[in-house]
PDB file of N, CA and C in Angstrom:
ATOM      1  N   UNK A   1      25.720  47.946  87.589  1.00  0.00           N
ATOM      2  CA  UNK A   1      26.765  48.031  88.603  1.00  0.00           C
ATOM      3  C   UNK A   1      27.444  49.392  88.494  1.00  0.00           C
ATOM      4  N   UNK A   2      27.573  50.058  89.607  1.00  0.00           N
ATOM      5  CA  UNK A   2      28.209  51.367  89.645  1.00  0.00           C
ATOM      6  C   UNK A   2      29.697  51.198  89.940  1.00  0.00           C
ATOM      7  N   UNK A   3      30.540  51.835  89.117  1.00  0.00           N
ATOM      8  CA  UNK A   3      31.982  51.852  89.347  1.00  0.00           C
ATOM      9  C   UNK A   3      32.370  53.230  89.865  1.00  0.00           C
ATOM     10  N   UNK A   4      33.137  53.254  90.935  1.00  0.00           N
ATOM     11  CA  UNK A   4      33.614  54.507  91.512  1.00  0.00           C
ATOM     12  C   UNK A   4      35.136  54.470  91.499  1.00  0.00           C
ATOM     13  N   UNK A   5      35.754  55.598  91.123  1.00  0.00           N
ATOM     14  CA  UNK A   5      37.214  55.690  91.056  1.00  0.00           C
ATOM     15  C   UNK A   5      37.697  56.765  92.021  1.00  0.00           C
ATOM     16  N   UNK A   6      38.735  56.447  92.768  1.00  0.00           N
ATOM     17  CA  UNK A   6      39.361  57.392  93.676  1.00  0.00           C
ATOM     18  C   UNK A   6      40.861  57.134  93.656  1.00  0.00           C
ATOM     19  N   UNK A   7      41.652  58.193  93.710  1.00  0.00           N
ATOM     20  CA  UNK A   7      43.099  57.981  93.620  1.00  0.00           C
ATOM     21  C   UNK A   7      43.852  58.674  94.749  1.00  0.00           C
ATOM     22  N   UNK A   8      45.034  58.129  95.025  1.00  0.00           N
ATOM     23  CA  UNK A   8      45.811  58.545  96.185  1.00  0.00           C
ATOM     24  C   UNK A   8      47.300  58.395  95.910  1.00  0.00           C
ATOM     25  N   UNK A   9      48.093  59.195  96.650  1.00  0.00           N
ATOM     26  CA  UNK A   9      49.528  58.931  96.740  1.00  0.00           C
ATOM     27  C   UNK A   9      49.713  57.813  97.765  1.00  0.00           C
ATOM     28  N   UNK A  10      49.046  57.917  98.881  1.00  0.00           N
ATOM     29  CA  UNK A  10      49.071  56.939  99.970  1.00  0.00           C
ATOM     30  C   UNK A  10      50.483  56.752 100.531  1.00  0.00           C
ATOM     31  N   UNK A  11      51.213  57.869 100.621  1.00  0.00           N
ATOM     32  CA  UNK A  11      52.582  57.803 101.130  1.00  0.00           C
ATOM     33  C   UNK A  11      52.579  57.488 102.621  1.00  0.00           C
ATOM     34  N   UNK A  12      51.745  58.176 103.349  1.00  0.00           N
ATOM     35  CA  UNK A  12      51.543  57.865 104.758  1.00  0.00           C
ATOM     36  C   UNK A  12      50.033  57.739 104.932  1.00  0.00           C
ATOM     37  N   UNK A  13      49.568  56.547 105.208  1.00  0.00           N
ATOM     38  CA  UNK A  13      48.132  56.305 105.322  1.00  0.00           C
ATOM     39  C   UNK A  13      47.615  56.992 106.587  1.00  0.00           C
ATOM     40  N   UNK A  14      46.530  57.740 106.427  1.00  0.00           N
ATOM     41  CA  UNK A  14      45.928  58.405 107.578  1.00  0.00           C
ATOM     42  C   UNK A  14      44.407  58.279 107.523  1.00  0.00           C
ATOM     43  N   UNK A  15      43.767  58.742 108.565  1.00  0.00           N
ATOM     44  CA  UNK A  15      42.317  58.617 108.701  1.00  0.00           C
ATOM     45  C   UNK A  15      41.575  59.225 107.513  1.00  0.00           C
ATOM     46  N   UNK A  16      42.066  60.326 106.978  1.00  0.00           N
ATOM     47  CA  UNK A  16      41.423  60.963 105.831  1.00  0.00           C
ATOM     48  C   UNK A  16      41.354  60.043 104.623  1.00  0.00           C
ATOM     49  N   UNK A  17      42.437  59.296 104.360  1.00  0.00           N
ATOM     50  CA  UNK A  17      42.429  58.327 103.259  1.00  0.00           C
ATOM     51  C   UNK A  17      41.339  57.281 103.481  1.00  0.00           C
ATOM     52  N   UNK A  18      41.298  56.751 104.691  1.00  0.00           N
ATOM     53  CA  UNK A  18      40.343  55.685 104.994  1.00  0.00           C
ATOM     54  C   UNK A  18      38.903  56.182 104.921  1.00  0.00           C
ATOM     55  N   UNK A  19      38.650  57.382 105.416  1.00  0.00           N
ATOM     56  CA  UNK A  19      37.299  57.952 105.340  1.00  0.00           C
ATOM     57  C   UNK A  19      36.891  58.183 103.888  1.00  0.00           C
ATOM     58  N   UNK A  20      37.830  58.666 103.077  1.00  0.00           N
ATOM     59  CA  UNK A  20      37.531  58.902 101.661  1.00  0.00           C
ATOM     60  C   UNK A  20      37.180  57.581 100.964  1.00  0.00           C
ATOM     61  N   UNK A  21      37.967  56.542 101.222  1.00  0.00           N
ATOM     62  CA  UNK A  21      37.680  55.238 100.612  1.00  0.00           C
ATOM     63  C   UNK A  21      36.355  54.672 101.118  1.00  0.00           C
ATOM     64  N   UNK A  22      36.102  54.822 102.395  1.00  0.00           N
ATOM     65  CA  UNK A  22      34.840  54.340 102.971  1.00  0.00           C
ATOM     66  C   UNK A  22      33.651  55.034 102.302  1.00  0.00           C
ATOM     67  N   UNK A  23      33.748  56.349 102.135  1.00  0.00           N
ATOM     68  CA  UNK A  23      32.668  57.102 101.490  1.00  0.00           C
ATOM     69  C   UNK A  23      32.515  56.715 100.025  1.00  0.00           C
ATOM     70  N   UNK A  24      33.633  56.527  99.335  1.00  0.00           N
ATOM     71  CA  UNK A  24      33.586  56.130  97.922  1.00  0.00           C
ATOM     72  C   UNK A  24      32.948  54.755  97.776  1.00  0.00           C
ATOM     73  N   UNK A  25      33.289  53.854  98.670  1.00  0.00           N
ATOM     74  CA  UNK A  25      32.701  52.510  98.648  1.00  0.00           C
ATOM     75  C   UNK A  25      31.199  52.583  98.901  1.00  0.00           C
ATOM     76  N   UNK A  26      30.777  53.468  99.794  1.00  0.00           N
ATOM     77  CA  UNK A  26      29.346  53.641 100.065  1.00  0.00           C
ATOM     78  C   UNK A  26      28.623  54.174  98.833  1.00  0.00           C
ATOM     79  N   UNK A  27      29.258  55.071  98.096  1.00  0.00           N
ATOM     80  CA  UNK A  27      28.658  55.592  96.865  1.00  0.00           C
ATOM     81  C   UNK A  27      28.498  54.471  95.845  1.00  0.00           C
ATOM     82  N   UNK A  28      29.483  53.586  95.777  1.00  0.00           N
ATOM     83  CA  UNK A  28      29.411  52.456  94.835  1.00  0.00           C
ATOM     84  C   UNK A  28      28.251  51.530  95.186  1.00  0.00           C
ATOM     85  N   UNK A  29      27.955  51.402  96.459  1.00  0.00           N
ATOM     86  CA  UNK A  29      26.864  50.538  96.890  1.00  0.00           C
ATOM     87  C   UNK A  29      27.283  49.079  96.973  1.00  0.00           C
ATOM     88  N   UNK A  30      26.379  48.259  97.450  1.00  0.00           N
ATOM     89  CA  UNK A  30      26.678  46.840  97.661  1.00  0.00           C
ATOM     90  C   UNK A  30      27.020  46.113  96.372  1.00  0.00           C
ATOM     91  N   UNK A  31      26.376  46.480  95.287  1.00  0.00           N
ATOM     92  CA  UNK A  31      26.618  45.812  94.006  1.00  0.00           C
ATOM     93  C   UNK A  31      27.701  46.490  93.185  1.00  0.00           C
ATOM     94  N   UNK A  32      28.194  47.640  93.646  1.00  0.00           N
ATOM     95  CA  UNK A  32      29.181  48.396  92.887  1.00  0.00           C
ATOM     96  C   UNK A  32      30.602  48.004  93.230  1.00  0.00           C
ATOM     97  N   UNK A  33      31.530  48.667  92.575  1.00  0.00           N
ATOM     98  CA  UNK A  33      32.957  48.408  92.780  1.00  0.00           C
ATOM     99  C   UNK A  33      33.683  49.727  92.997  1.00  0.00           C
ATOM    100  N   UNK A  34      34.636  49.716  93.915  1.00  0.00           N
ATOM    101  CA  UNK A  34      35.529  50.845  94.127  1.00  0.00           C
ATOM    102  C   UNK A  34      36.882  50.507  93.524  1.00  0.00           C
ATOM    103  N   UNK A  35      37.289  51.293  92.548  1.00  0.00           N
ATOM    104  CA  UNK A  35      38.614  51.164  91.953  1.00  0.00           C
ATOM    105  C   UNK A  35      39.474  52.262  92.556  1.00  0.00           C
ATOM    106  N   UNK A  36      40.596  51.881  93.143  1.00  0.00           N
ATOM    107  CA  UNK A  36      41.515  52.831  93.757  1.00  0.00           C
ATOM    108  C   UNK A  36      42.774  52.912  92.905  1.00  0.00           C
ATOM    109  N   UNK A  37      43.107  54.124  92.489  1.00  0.00           N
ATOM    110  CA  UNK A  37      44.340  54.364  91.750  1.00  0.00           C
ATOM    111  C   UNK A  37      45.426  54.830  92.704  1.00  0.00           C
ATOM    112  N   UNK A  38      46.607  54.247  92.580  1.00  0.00           N
ATOM    113  CA  UNK A  38      47.765  54.672  93.364  1.00  0.00           C
ATOM    114  C   UNK A  38      48.759  55.303  92.403  1.00  0.00           C
ATOM    115  N   UNK A  39      49.120  56.553  92.675  1.00  0.00           N
ATOM    116  CA  UNK A  39      50.044  57.256  91.797  1.00  0.00           C
ATOM    117  C   UNK A  39      51.422  56.604  91.846  1.00  0.00           C
ATOM    118  N   UNK A  40      52.004  56.392  90.675  1.00  0.00           N
ATOM    119  CA  UNK A  40      53.374  55.891  90.613  1.00  0.00           C
ATOM    120  C   UNK A  40      54.307  56.961  91.175  1.00  0.00           C
ATOM    121  N   UNK A  41      55.537  56.577  91.477  1.00  0.00           N
ATOM    122  CA  UNK A  41      56.510  57.549  91.975  1.00  0.00           C
ATOM    123  C   UNK A  41      56.679  58.696  90.981  1.00  0.00           C
ATOM    124  N   UNK A  42      56.726  58.368  89.688  1.00  0.00           N
ATOM    125  CA  UNK A  42      56.894  59.391  88.651  1.00  0.00           C
ATOM    126  C   UNK A  42      55.692  60.332  88.606  1.00  0.00           C
ATOM    127  N   UNK A  43      54.504  59.779  88.763  1.00  0.00           N
ATOM    128  CA  UNK A  43      53.294  60.611  88.755  1.00  0.00           C
ATOM    129  C   UNK A  43      53.289  61.568  89.944  1.00  0.00           C
ATOM    130  N   UNK A  44      53.689  61.089  91.103  1.00  0.00           N
ATOM    131  CA  UNK A  44      53.749  61.946  92.289  1.00  0.00           C
ATOM    132  C   UNK A  44      54.699  63.103  92.032  1.00  0.00           C
ATOM    133  N   UNK A  45      55.860  62.801  91.441  1.00  0.00           N
ATOM    134  CA  UNK A  45      56.896  63.814  91.255  1.00  0.00           C
ATOM    135  C   UNK A  45      56.543  64.851  90.192  1.00  0.00           C
ATOM    136  N   UNK A  46      55.418  64.675  89.486  1.00  0.00           N
ATOM    137  CA  UNK A  46      54.951  65.728  88.587  1.00  0.00           C
ATOM    138  C   UNK A  46      54.572  66.979  89.381  1.00  0.00           C
ATOM    139  N   UNK A  47      54.163  66.811  90.635  1.00  0.00           N
ATOM    140  CA  UNK A  47      53.683  67.953  91.426  1.00  0.00           C
ATOM    141  C   UNK A  47      54.241  68.019  92.843  1.00  0.00           C
ATOM    142  N   UNK A  48      54.842  66.937  93.314  1.00  0.00           N
ATOM    143  CA  UNK A  48      55.284  66.885  94.709  1.00  0.00           C
ATOM    144  C   UNK A  48      56.675  66.262  94.789  1.00  0.00           C
ATOM    145  N   UNK A  49      57.310  66.359  95.955  1.00  0.00           N
ATOM    146  CA  UNK A  49      58.585  65.654  96.148  1.00  0.00           C
ATOM    147  C   UNK A  49      58.369  64.140  96.083  1.00  0.00           C
ATOM    148  N   UNK A  50      59.455  63.393  95.883  1.00  0.00           N
ATOM    149  CA  UNK A  50      59.320  61.930  95.827  1.00  0.00           C
ATOM    150  C   UNK A  50      58.687  61.388  97.112  1.00  0.00           C
ATOM    151  N   UNK A  51      57.855  60.364  96.972  1.00  0.00           N
ATOM    152  CA  UNK A  51      57.238  59.787  98.167  1.00  0.00           C
ATOM    153  C   UNK A  51      58.267  59.073  99.042  1.00  0.00           C
ATOM    154  N   UNK A  52      57.965  58.985 100.318  1.00  0.00           N
ATOM    155  CA  UNK A  52      58.848  58.288 101.262  1.00  0.00           C
ATOM    156  C   UNK A  52      58.769  56.780 101.084  1.00  0.00           C
ATOM    157  N   UNK A  53      57.580  56.300 100.735  1.00  0.00           N
ATOM    158  CA  UNK A  53      57.348  54.866 100.555  1.00  0.00           C
ATOM    159  C   UNK A  53      57.280  54.591  99.062  1.00  0.00           C
ATOM    160  N   UNK A  54      58.026  53.591  98.583  1.00  0.00           N
ATOM    161  CA  UNK A  54      58.052  53.349  97.136  1.00  0.00           C
ATOM    162  C   UNK A  54      56.713  52.809  96.629  1.00  0.00           C
ATOM    163  N   UNK A  55      56.540  52.892  95.322  1.00  0.00           N
ATOM    164  CA  UNK A  55      55.273  52.557  94.673  1.00  0.00           C
ATOM    165  C   UNK A  55      54.815  51.132  94.969  1.00  0.00           C
ATOM    166  N   UNK A  56      55.710  50.177  94.875  1.00  0.00           N
ATOM    167  CA  UNK A  56      55.338  48.774  95.092  1.00  0.00           C
ATOM    168  C   UNK A  56      54.761  48.589  96.495  1.00  0.00           C
ATOM    169  N   UNK A  57      55.381  49.199  97.478  1.00  0.00           N
ATOM    170  CA  UNK A  57      54.888  49.077  98.849  1.00  0.00           C
ATOM    171  C   UNK A  57      53.561  49.807  99.033  1.00  0.00           C
ATOM    172  N   UNK A  58      53.407  50.969  98.394  1.00  0.00           N
ATOM    173  CA  UNK A  58      52.138  51.699  98.506  1.00  0.00           C
ATOM    174  C   UNK A  58      51.000  50.925  97.847  1.00  0.00           C
ATOM    175  N   UNK A  59      51.285  50.254  96.736  1.00  0.00           N
ATOM    176  CA  UNK A  59      50.272  49.401  96.093  1.00  0.00           C
ATOM    177  C   UNK A  59      49.877  48.260  97.032  1.00  0.00           C
ATOM    178  N   UNK A  60      50.865  47.642  97.653  1.00  0.00           N
ATOM    179  CA  UNK A  60      50.597  46.531  98.572  1.00  0.00           C
ATOM    180  C   UNK A  60      49.721  46.991  99.745  1.00  0.00           C
ATOM    181  N   UNK A  61      50.059  48.139 100.302  1.00  0.00           N
ATOM    182  CA  UNK A  61      49.269  48.680 101.412  1.00  0.00           C
ATOM    183  C   UNK A  61      47.820  48.870 100.974  1.00  0.00           C
ATOM    184  N   UNK A  62      47.614  49.467  99.803  1.00  0.00           N
ATOM    185  CA  UNK A  62      46.249  49.706  99.305  1.00  0.00           C
ATOM    186  C   UNK A  62      45.501  48.392  99.097  1.00  0.00           C
ATOM    187  N   UNK A  63      46.196  47.389  98.579  1.00  0.00           N
ATOM    188  CA  UNK A  63      45.557  46.091  98.334  1.00  0.00           C
ATOM    189  C   UNK A  63      45.148  45.409  99.640  1.00  0.00           C
ATOM    190  N   UNK A  64      45.810  45.738 100.727  1.00  0.00           N
ATOM    191  CA  UNK A  64      45.492  45.130 102.024  1.00  0.00           C
ATOM    192  C   UNK A  64      44.321  45.814 102.734  1.00  0.00           C
ATOM    193  N   UNK A  65      43.904  46.961 102.231  1.00  0.00           N
ATOM    194  CA  UNK A  65      42.779  47.665 102.847  1.00  0.00           C
ATOM    195  C   UNK A  65      41.462  47.014 102.448  1.00  0.00           C
ATOM    196  N   UNK A  66      40.441  47.166 103.268  1.00  0.00           N
ATOM    197  CA  UNK A  66      39.184  46.461 103.015  1.00  0.00           C
ATOM    198  C   UNK A  66      38.267  47.153 102.020  1.00  0.00           C
ATOM    199  N   UNK A  67      38.448  48.429 101.751  1.00  0.00           N
ATOM    200  CA  UNK A  67      37.488  49.146 100.914  1.00  0.00           C
ATOM    201  C   UNK A  67      37.663  48.943  99.409  1.00  0.00           C
ATOM    202  N   UNK A  68      38.885  48.952  98.863  1.00  0.00           N
ATOM    203  CA  UNK A  68      39.015  48.820  97.402  1.00  0.00           C
ATOM    204  C   UNK A  68      38.650  47.419  96.906  1.00  0.00           C
ATOM    205  N   UNK A  69      37.963  47.390  95.766  1.00  0.00           N
ATOM    206  CA  UNK A  69      37.715  46.122  95.079  1.00  0.00           C
ATOM    207  C   UNK A  69      38.822  45.842  94.077  1.00  0.00           C
ATOM    208  N   UNK A  70      39.445  46.901  93.597  1.00  0.00           N
ATOM    209  CA  UNK A  70      40.533  46.788  92.633  1.00  0.00           C
ATOM    210  C   UNK A  70      41.486  47.941  92.875  1.00  0.00           C
ATOM    211  N   UNK A  71      42.782  47.658  92.904  1.00  0.00           N
ATOM    212  CA  UNK A  71      43.810  48.684  93.059  1.00  0.00           C
ATOM    213  C   UNK A  71      44.644  48.684  91.789  1.00  0.00           C
ATOM    214  N   UNK A  72      44.791  49.876  91.192  1.00  0.00           N
ATOM    215  CA  UNK A  72      45.499  49.996  89.919  1.00  0.00           C
ATOM    216  C   UNK A  72      46.540  51.105  90.005  1.00  0.00           C
ATOM    217  N   UNK A  73      47.525  51.028  89.127  1.00  0.00           N
ATOM    218  CA  UNK A  73      48.530  52.082  89.029  1.00  0.00           C
ATOM    219  C   UNK A  73      47.933  53.274  88.292  1.00  0.00           C
ATOM    220  N   UNK A  74      48.288  54.467  88.743  1.00  0.00           N
ATOM    221  CA  UNK A  74      47.943  55.685  88.008  1.00  0.00           C
ATOM    222  C   UNK A  74      49.259  56.307  87.579  1.00  0.00           C
ATOM    223  N   UNK A  75      49.499  56.317  86.269  1.00  0.00           N
ATOM    224  CA  UNK A  75      50.805  56.688  85.721  1.00  0.00           C
ATOM    225  C   UNK A  75      51.043  58.180  85.588  1.00  0.00           C
ATOM    226  N   UNK A  76      50.009  58.988  85.714  1.00  0.00           N
ATOM    227  CA  UNK A  76      50.154  60.442  85.656  1.00  0.00           C
ATOM    228  C   UNK A  76      49.392  61.052  86.820  1.00  0.00           C
ATOM    229  N   UNK A  77      49.729  62.295  87.148  1.00  0.00           N
ATOM    230  CA  UNK A  77      49.024  62.940  88.255  1.00  0.00           C
ATOM    231  C   UNK A  77      47.550  63.117  87.932  1.00  0.00           C
ATOM    232  N   UNK A  78      47.259  63.341  86.661  1.00  0.00           N
ATOM    233  CA  UNK A  78      45.865  63.436  86.225  1.00  0.00           C
ATOM    234  C   UNK A  78      45.247  62.042  86.185  1.00  0.00           C
ATOM    235  N   UNK A  79      44.005  61.948  86.583  1.00  0.00           N
ATOM    236  CA  UNK A  79      43.331  60.650  86.592  1.00  0.00           C
ATOM    237  C   UNK A  79      42.620  60.332  85.280  1.00  0.00           C
ATOM    238  N   UNK A  80      42.708  61.202  84.302  1.00  0.00           N
ATOM    239  CA  UNK A  80      41.948  61.038  83.059  1.00  0.00           C
ATOM    240  C   UNK A  80      42.271  59.724  82.354  1.00  0.00           C
ATOM    241  N   UNK A  81      43.539  59.350  82.305  1.00  0.00           N
ATOM    242  CA  UNK A  81      43.919  58.098  81.641  1.00  0.00           C
ATOM    243  C   UNK A  81      43.216  56.890  82.231  1.00  0.00           C
ATOM    244  N   UNK A  82      43.167  56.811  83.547  1.00  0.00           N
ATOM    245  CA  UNK A  82      42.499  55.671  84.185  1.00  0.00           C
ATOM    246  C   UNK A  82      40.991  55.750  84.046  1.00  0.00           C
ATOM    247  N   UNK A  83      40.442  56.949  84.049  1.00  0.00           N
ATOM    248  CA  UNK A  83      38.994  57.077  83.850  1.00  0.00           C
ATOM    249  C   UNK A  83      38.603  56.560  82.473  1.00  0.00           C
ATOM    250  N   UNK A  84      39.432  56.827  81.478  1.00  0.00           N
ATOM    251  CA  UNK A  84      39.158  56.334  80.123  1.00  0.00           C
ATOM    252  C   UNK A  84      39.414  54.836  80.014  1.00  0.00           C
ATOM    253  N   UNK A  85      40.423  54.349  80.716  1.00  0.00           N
ATOM    254  CA  UNK A  85      40.799  52.934  80.648  1.00  0.00           C
ATOM    255  C   UNK A  85      39.722  52.032  81.241  1.00  0.00           C
ATOM    256  N   UNK A  86      39.121  52.466  82.325  1.00  0.00           N
ATOM    257  CA  UNK A  86      38.116  51.647  83.000  1.00  0.00           C
ATOM    258  C   UNK A  86      36.733  52.165  82.633  1.00  0.00           C
ATOM    259  N   UNK A  87      36.316  51.810  81.437  1.00  0.00           N
ATOM    260  CA  UNK A  87      35.037  52.250  80.894  1.00  0.00           C
ATOM    261  C   UNK A  87      33.903  51.867  81.841  1.00  0.00           C
ATOM    262  N   UNK A  88      33.001  52.771  82.031  1.00  0.00           N
ATOM    263  CA  UNK A  88      31.859  52.492  82.885  1.00  0.00           C
ATOM    264  C   UNK A  88      31.933  53.172  84.237  1.00  0.00           C
ATOM    265  N   UNK A  89      33.051  53.859  84.523  1.00  0.00           N
ATOM    266  CA  UNK A  89      33.144  54.574  85.789  1.00  0.00           C
ATOM    267  C   UNK A  89      32.126  55.708  85.763  1.00  0.00           C
ATOM    268  N   UNK A  90      31.262  55.721  86.725  1.00  0.00           N
ATOM    269  CA  UNK A  90      30.211  56.731  86.750  1.00  0.00           C
ATOM    270  C   UNK A  90      30.472  57.821  87.784  1.00  0.00           C
ATOM    271  N   UNK A  91      31.348  57.574  88.717  1.00  0.00           N
ATOM    272  CA  UNK A  91      31.631  58.558  89.747  1.00  0.00           C
ATOM    273  C   UNK A  91      33.130  58.631  89.972  1.00  0.00           C
ATOM    274  N   UNK A  92      33.653  59.847  89.928  1.00  0.00           N
ATOM    275  CA  UNK A  92      35.066  60.082  90.206  1.00  0.00           C
ATOM    276  C   UNK A  92      35.144  60.842  91.518  1.00  0.00           C
ATOM    277  N   UNK A  93      35.748  60.237  92.501  1.00  0.00           N
ATOM    278  CA  UNK A  93      35.911  60.878  93.801  1.00  0.00           C
ATOM    279  C   UNK A  93      37.337  61.406  93.854  1.00  0.00           C
ATOM    280  N   UNK A  94      37.517  62.672  93.518  1.00  0.00           N
ATOM    281  CA  UNK A  94      38.858  63.252  93.542  1.00  0.00           C
ATOM    282  C   UNK A  94      39.203  63.654  94.960  1.00  0.00           C
ATOM    283  N   UNK A  95      40.456  63.482  95.296  1.00  0.00           N
ATOM    284  CA  UNK A  95      40.883  63.779  96.665  1.00  0.00           C
ATOM    285  C   UNK A  95      41.801  64.984  96.715  1.00  0.00           C
ATOM    286  N   UNK A  96      41.599  65.902  95.816  1.00  0.00           N
ATOM    287  CA  UNK A  96      42.473  67.074  95.801  1.00  0.00           C
ATOM    288  C   UNK A  96      41.876  68.212  96.576  1.00  0.00           C
TER     289      UNK A  96
END
């Protein structure tokens, strides 16, 4: 099973977010899983102004989308912590 990881602020959901998730899900394949990381408010503020939509609501929005199989918090702007936490991730789709 292929695990693919992609992360987002997801402050304002737009077509680019959805296309990225759709492509990441396609890379994972039918038997694979797409894990989506949502940056916490603190993680966002490491590099950007505070998000307009709070973390809890952004997580909920991500969970309601059809592409992610699992939505997780990303506690730092860097995705390295989550890549190490979810052993077996073979593809990292960075959205920077």
